[in-house]
N, C-alpha and C. Protein backbone atom coordinates (compact mmCIF):
# COMPACT_ATOMS: atom_id res chain seq x y z
N MET A 1 0.83 -1.20 0.00
CA MET A 1 0.00 0.00 0.00
C MET A 1 0.86 1.25 0.00
N LYS A 2 1.97 1.21 0.79
CA LYS A 2 2.84 2.37 0.87
C LYS A 2 3.57 2.60 -0.45
N LYS A 3 3.97 1.50 -1.11
CA LYS A 3 4.62 1.63 -2.41
C LYS A 3 3.68 2.24 -3.43
N LYS A 4 2.42 1.89 -3.34
CA LYS A 4 1.44 2.42 -4.29
C LYS A 4 1.27 3.93 -4.09
N LYS A 5 1.26 4.39 -2.84
CA LYS A 5 1.12 5.82 -2.56
C LYS A 5 2.34 6.59 -3.06
N THR A 6 3.53 6.04 -2.81
CA THR A 6 4.74 6.75 -3.27
C THR A 6 4.81 6.76 -4.78
N LEU A 7 4.39 5.65 -5.42
CA LEU A 7 4.38 5.60 -6.88
C LEU A 7 3.36 6.61 -7.44
N LEU A 8 2.22 6.72 -6.81
CA LEU A 8 1.20 7.67 -7.23
C LEU A 8 1.70 9.10 -7.04
N LYS A 9 2.42 9.34 -5.96
CA LYS A 9 2.97 10.67 -5.69
C LYS A 9 4.01 11.05 -6.74
N ILE A 10 4.88 10.10 -7.08
CA ILE A 10 5.91 10.35 -8.10
C ILE A 10 5.26 10.58 -9.45
N LEU A 11 4.25 9.80 -9.78
CA LEU A 11 3.54 9.96 -11.05
C LEU A 11 2.85 11.32 -11.13
N LYS A 12 2.27 11.74 -10.03
CA LYS A 12 1.59 13.04 -9.99
C LYS A 12 2.60 14.17 -10.18
N ARG A 13 3.73 14.11 -9.50
CA ARG A 13 4.77 15.13 -9.65
C ARG A 13 5.31 15.16 -11.07
N SER A 14 5.52 14.00 -11.65
CA SER A 14 6.02 13.92 -13.03
C SER A 14 5.03 14.54 -14.00
N CYS A 15 3.75 14.28 -13.78
CA CYS A 15 2.72 14.83 -14.65
C CYS A 15 2.68 16.36 -14.53
N ILE A 16 2.83 16.87 -13.33
CA ILE A 16 2.84 18.32 -13.12
C ILE A 16 4.05 18.94 -13.81
N ILE A 17 5.19 18.30 -13.71
CA ILE A 17 6.40 18.82 -14.35
C ILE A 17 6.25 18.82 -15.86
N VAL A 18 5.72 17.75 -16.42
CA VAL A 18 5.52 17.68 -17.87
C VAL A 18 4.53 18.76 -18.32
N LEU A 19 3.44 18.94 -17.60
CA LEU A 19 2.48 19.98 -17.96
C LEU A 19 3.09 21.38 -17.85
N TYR A 20 3.94 21.58 -16.87
CA TYR A 20 4.62 22.86 -16.70
C TYR A 20 5.56 23.12 -17.88
N ILE A 21 6.30 22.11 -18.30
CA ILE A 21 7.20 22.27 -19.45
C ILE A 21 6.42 22.55 -20.72
N VAL A 22 5.31 21.85 -20.92
CA VAL A 22 4.47 22.10 -22.10
C VAL A 22 3.92 23.53 -22.07
N ALA A 23 3.50 23.99 -20.90
CA ALA A 23 2.99 25.35 -20.79
C ALA A 23 4.08 26.37 -21.10
N LEU A 24 5.30 26.11 -20.68
CA LEU A 24 6.40 27.02 -21.00
C LEU A 24 6.68 27.05 -22.50
N PHE A 25 6.63 25.89 -23.16
CA PHE A 25 6.85 25.87 -24.60
C PHE A 25 5.76 26.62 -25.35
N VAL A 26 4.53 26.50 -24.90
CA VAL A 26 3.42 27.21 -25.54
C VAL A 26 3.55 28.71 -25.31
N ALA A 27 3.95 29.10 -24.12
CA ALA A 27 4.09 30.52 -23.80
C ALA A 27 5.22 31.16 -24.60
N GLN A 28 6.23 30.41 -24.93
CA GLN A 28 7.36 30.96 -25.68
C GLN A 28 7.04 31.12 -27.16
N ALA A 29 6.07 30.44 -27.66
CA ALA A 29 5.74 30.49 -29.08
C ALA A 29 4.78 31.63 -29.37
N SER A 30 5.18 32.84 -29.04
CA SER A 30 4.33 33.99 -29.31
C SER A 30 4.91 34.78 -30.47
N HIS A 31 4.05 35.47 -31.18
CA HIS A 31 4.47 36.25 -32.33
C HIS A 31 5.00 37.59 -31.87
N VAL A 32 6.07 38.01 -32.50
CA VAL A 32 6.66 39.31 -32.21
C VAL A 32 6.55 40.14 -33.47
N PHE A 33 5.90 41.29 -33.37
CA PHE A 33 5.73 42.17 -34.52
C PHE A 33 6.75 43.29 -34.42
N ALA A 34 7.73 43.26 -35.28
CA ALA A 34 8.77 44.28 -35.28
C ALA A 34 8.50 45.28 -36.39
N ALA A 35 9.18 46.40 -36.30
CA ALA A 35 9.05 47.42 -37.33
C ALA A 35 9.78 46.96 -38.60
N ASP A 36 9.48 47.62 -39.70
CA ASP A 36 10.08 47.24 -40.97
C ASP A 36 11.56 47.63 -41.04
N GLU A 37 11.87 48.81 -40.55
CA GLU A 37 13.24 49.30 -40.63
C GLU A 37 14.03 48.87 -39.40
N PRO A 38 15.24 48.37 -39.58
CA PRO A 38 16.05 48.00 -38.41
C PRO A 38 16.41 49.22 -37.55
N LEU A 39 16.58 50.38 -38.18
CA LEU A 39 16.91 51.58 -37.44
C LEU A 39 15.77 52.00 -36.52
N THR A 40 14.53 51.76 -36.94
CA THR A 40 13.36 52.07 -36.11
C THR A 40 13.35 51.19 -34.86
N VAL A 41 13.72 49.94 -35.02
CA VAL A 41 13.78 49.02 -33.89
C VAL A 41 14.82 49.50 -32.88
N ILE A 42 15.98 49.90 -33.38
CA ILE A 42 17.05 50.38 -32.49
C ILE A 42 16.61 51.66 -31.79
N ASN A 43 15.95 52.56 -32.50
CA ASN A 43 15.47 53.80 -31.88
C ASN A 43 14.41 53.52 -30.81
N ASN A 44 13.52 52.57 -31.08
CA ASN A 44 12.51 52.21 -30.07
C ASN A 44 13.16 51.61 -28.82
N LEU A 45 14.17 50.76 -29.02
CA LEU A 45 14.88 50.18 -27.90
C LEU A 45 15.62 51.27 -27.11
N SER A 46 16.22 52.20 -27.83
CA SER A 46 16.93 53.31 -27.19
C SER A 46 15.97 54.16 -26.36
N ASP A 47 14.80 54.45 -26.92
CA ASP A 47 13.80 55.22 -26.17
C ASP A 47 13.35 54.50 -24.92
N PHE A 48 13.18 53.19 -25.02
CA PHE A 48 12.76 52.39 -23.86
C PHE A 48 13.83 52.41 -22.77
N ILE A 49 15.08 52.20 -23.17
CA ILE A 49 16.17 52.17 -22.19
C ILE A 49 16.34 53.54 -21.54
N PHE A 50 16.27 54.61 -22.34
CA PHE A 50 16.39 55.94 -21.75
C PHE A 50 15.19 56.27 -20.86
N GLY A 51 14.03 55.70 -21.15
CA GLY A 51 12.89 55.87 -20.26
C GLY A 51 13.13 55.22 -18.91
N LEU A 52 13.73 54.03 -18.93
CA LEU A 52 14.09 53.37 -17.67
C LEU A 52 15.14 54.16 -16.90
N ILE A 53 16.13 54.69 -17.62
CA ILE A 53 17.17 55.49 -16.97
C ILE A 53 16.55 56.75 -16.37
N ARG A 54 15.60 57.37 -17.09
CA ARG A 54 14.93 58.57 -16.57
C ARG A 54 14.16 58.25 -15.29
N ALA A 55 13.52 57.08 -15.24
CA ALA A 55 12.78 56.69 -14.04
C ALA A 55 13.73 56.51 -12.85
N VAL A 56 14.87 55.87 -13.08
CA VAL A 56 15.85 55.71 -12.00
C VAL A 56 16.37 57.07 -11.56
N GLY A 57 16.61 57.98 -12.52
CA GLY A 57 17.06 59.32 -12.18
C GLY A 57 16.06 60.08 -11.34
N MET A 58 14.77 59.92 -11.65
CA MET A 58 13.74 60.59 -10.86
C MET A 58 13.69 60.05 -9.44
N ILE A 59 13.90 58.75 -9.28
CA ILE A 59 13.92 58.17 -7.94
C ILE A 59 15.10 58.71 -7.15
N ILE A 60 16.27 58.77 -7.79
CA ILE A 60 17.46 59.31 -7.11
C ILE A 60 17.26 60.78 -6.81
N LEU A 61 16.64 61.52 -7.72
CA LEU A 61 16.36 62.93 -7.50
C LEU A 61 15.46 63.13 -6.29
N GLY A 62 14.42 62.32 -6.18
CA GLY A 62 13.53 62.40 -5.02
C GLY A 62 14.26 62.05 -3.73
N PHE A 63 15.12 61.06 -3.78
CA PHE A 63 15.89 60.69 -2.60
C PHE A 63 16.83 61.82 -2.19
N GLY A 64 17.41 62.51 -3.18
CA GLY A 64 18.28 63.64 -2.88
C GLY A 64 17.54 64.78 -2.22
N VAL A 65 16.32 65.06 -2.69
CA VAL A 65 15.51 66.11 -2.07
C VAL A 65 15.21 65.76 -0.61
N VAL A 66 14.85 64.51 -0.36
CA VAL A 66 14.57 64.08 1.01
C VAL A 66 15.83 64.19 1.87
N GLN A 67 16.97 63.82 1.31
CA GLN A 67 18.22 63.87 2.07
C GLN A 67 18.60 65.31 2.42
N VAL A 68 18.42 66.24 1.47
CA VAL A 68 18.71 67.64 1.75
C VAL A 68 17.75 68.17 2.82
N GLY A 69 16.48 67.82 2.71
CA GLY A 69 15.50 68.24 3.72
C GLY A 69 15.84 67.73 5.10
N MET A 70 16.24 66.47 5.18
CA MET A 70 16.61 65.91 6.48
C MET A 70 17.87 66.57 7.04
N SER A 71 18.80 66.93 6.17
CA SER A 71 20.03 67.57 6.64
C SER A 71 19.76 68.99 7.13
N LEU A 72 18.82 69.67 6.50
CA LEU A 72 18.47 71.02 6.95
C LEU A 72 17.79 70.96 8.33
N LYS A 73 17.04 69.90 8.55
CA LYS A 73 16.35 69.75 9.84
C LYS A 73 17.34 69.40 10.96
N SER A 74 18.34 68.56 10.64
CA SER A 74 19.26 68.11 11.68
C SER A 74 20.54 68.95 11.77
N HIS A 75 20.71 69.93 10.89
CA HIS A 75 21.89 70.81 10.87
C HIS A 75 23.18 70.01 10.72
N ASP A 76 23.16 69.03 9.83
CA ASP A 76 24.33 68.19 9.60
C ASP A 76 24.95 68.55 8.25
N PRO A 77 26.13 69.20 8.25
CA PRO A 77 26.72 69.64 6.98
C PRO A 77 27.19 68.50 6.08
N SER A 78 27.66 67.39 6.63
CA SER A 78 28.11 66.28 5.78
C SER A 78 26.91 65.62 5.09
N GLN A 79 25.79 65.49 5.80
CA GLN A 79 24.60 64.93 5.19
C GLN A 79 24.05 65.89 4.12
N ARG A 80 24.20 67.19 4.36
CA ARG A 80 23.75 68.18 3.39
C ARG A 80 24.58 68.07 2.10
N ALA A 81 25.89 67.90 2.25
CA ALA A 81 26.75 67.75 1.07
C ALA A 81 26.39 66.48 0.30
N ASN A 82 26.15 65.39 1.01
CA ASN A 82 25.74 64.14 0.35
C ASN A 82 24.39 64.32 -0.34
N GLY A 83 23.49 65.05 0.29
CA GLY A 83 22.18 65.30 -0.29
C GLY A 83 22.27 66.09 -1.59
N PHE A 84 23.11 67.13 -1.58
CA PHE A 84 23.26 67.93 -2.80
C PHE A 84 23.95 67.14 -3.91
N MET A 85 24.91 66.27 -3.55
CA MET A 85 25.55 65.43 -4.57
C MET A 85 24.55 64.42 -5.14
N THR A 86 23.71 63.86 -4.29
CA THR A 86 22.68 62.94 -4.76
C THR A 86 21.68 63.67 -5.65
N LEU A 87 21.33 64.88 -5.25
CA LEU A 87 20.41 65.70 -6.05
C LEU A 87 21.01 66.00 -7.42
N ALA A 88 22.28 66.39 -7.45
CA ALA A 88 22.93 66.69 -8.73
C ALA A 88 23.05 65.44 -9.59
N GLY A 89 23.37 64.31 -8.97
CA GLY A 89 23.45 63.06 -9.72
C GLY A 89 22.10 62.65 -10.30
N GLY A 90 21.03 62.86 -9.53
CA GLY A 90 19.69 62.56 -10.03
C GLY A 90 19.32 63.42 -11.21
N VAL A 91 19.71 64.70 -11.17
CA VAL A 91 19.42 65.60 -12.30
C VAL A 91 20.18 65.15 -13.54
N VAL A 92 21.45 64.80 -13.37
CA VAL A 92 22.25 64.34 -14.51
C VAL A 92 21.69 63.05 -15.10
N ILE A 93 21.31 62.11 -14.24
CA ILE A 93 20.77 60.84 -14.73
C ILE A 93 19.40 61.06 -15.39
N THR A 94 18.58 61.93 -14.81
CA THR A 94 17.25 62.18 -15.37
C THR A 94 17.35 62.77 -16.77
N PHE A 95 18.29 63.68 -16.96
CA PHE A 95 18.40 64.35 -18.26
C PHE A 95 19.57 63.81 -19.07
N ALA A 96 19.91 62.53 -18.92
CA ALA A 96 21.04 61.93 -19.62
C ALA A 96 20.85 61.95 -21.13
N LYS A 97 19.66 61.65 -21.61
CA LYS A 97 19.43 61.62 -23.06
C LYS A 97 19.60 63.00 -23.66
N GLU A 98 19.07 64.02 -23.01
CA GLU A 98 19.20 65.37 -23.52
C GLU A 98 20.64 65.84 -23.48
N ILE A 99 21.36 65.48 -22.42
CA ILE A 99 22.78 65.83 -22.32
C ILE A 99 23.58 65.17 -23.43
N LEU A 100 23.32 63.89 -23.70
CA LEU A 100 24.02 63.21 -24.78
C LEU A 100 23.67 63.80 -26.14
N ASN A 101 22.41 64.21 -26.33
CA ASN A 101 22.04 64.84 -27.60
C ASN A 101 22.75 66.17 -27.78
N ILE A 102 22.93 66.94 -26.71
CA ILE A 102 23.65 68.21 -26.81
C ILE A 102 25.12 67.96 -27.12
N ILE A 103 25.72 66.96 -26.47
CA ILE A 103 27.13 66.67 -26.70
C ILE A 103 27.38 66.19 -28.12
N THR A 104 26.54 65.27 -28.59
CA THR A 104 26.75 64.69 -29.93
C THR A 104 26.19 65.58 -31.04
N GLY A 105 25.40 66.56 -30.69
CA GLY A 105 24.83 67.43 -31.71
C GLY A 105 23.65 66.82 -32.44
N GLY A 106 23.05 65.81 -31.85
CA GLY A 106 21.93 65.14 -32.50
C GLY A 106 20.70 65.52 -31.85
């Protein structure tokens, strides 16, 4: 009786694994519609990546504002310096695409 239960348990686990693998294969077989021009695809990818970078920059910018505010409240000059550096870094990261366009002339 115990062998039958363990065999049934192994069979059930194997069936679940096989169904999971089949589901993964079906999920991977999706159609991808790309643009006609390869340059358009690269530009879309570039816009997406710079959008992610802008989001990270905004988060760092917000953290810098909070850090400067906390340093003004606690009268801590080293924390204030770190806050302003974080704030400046957030601004640079947020506007990275525009800065690169100005540098490259594009």
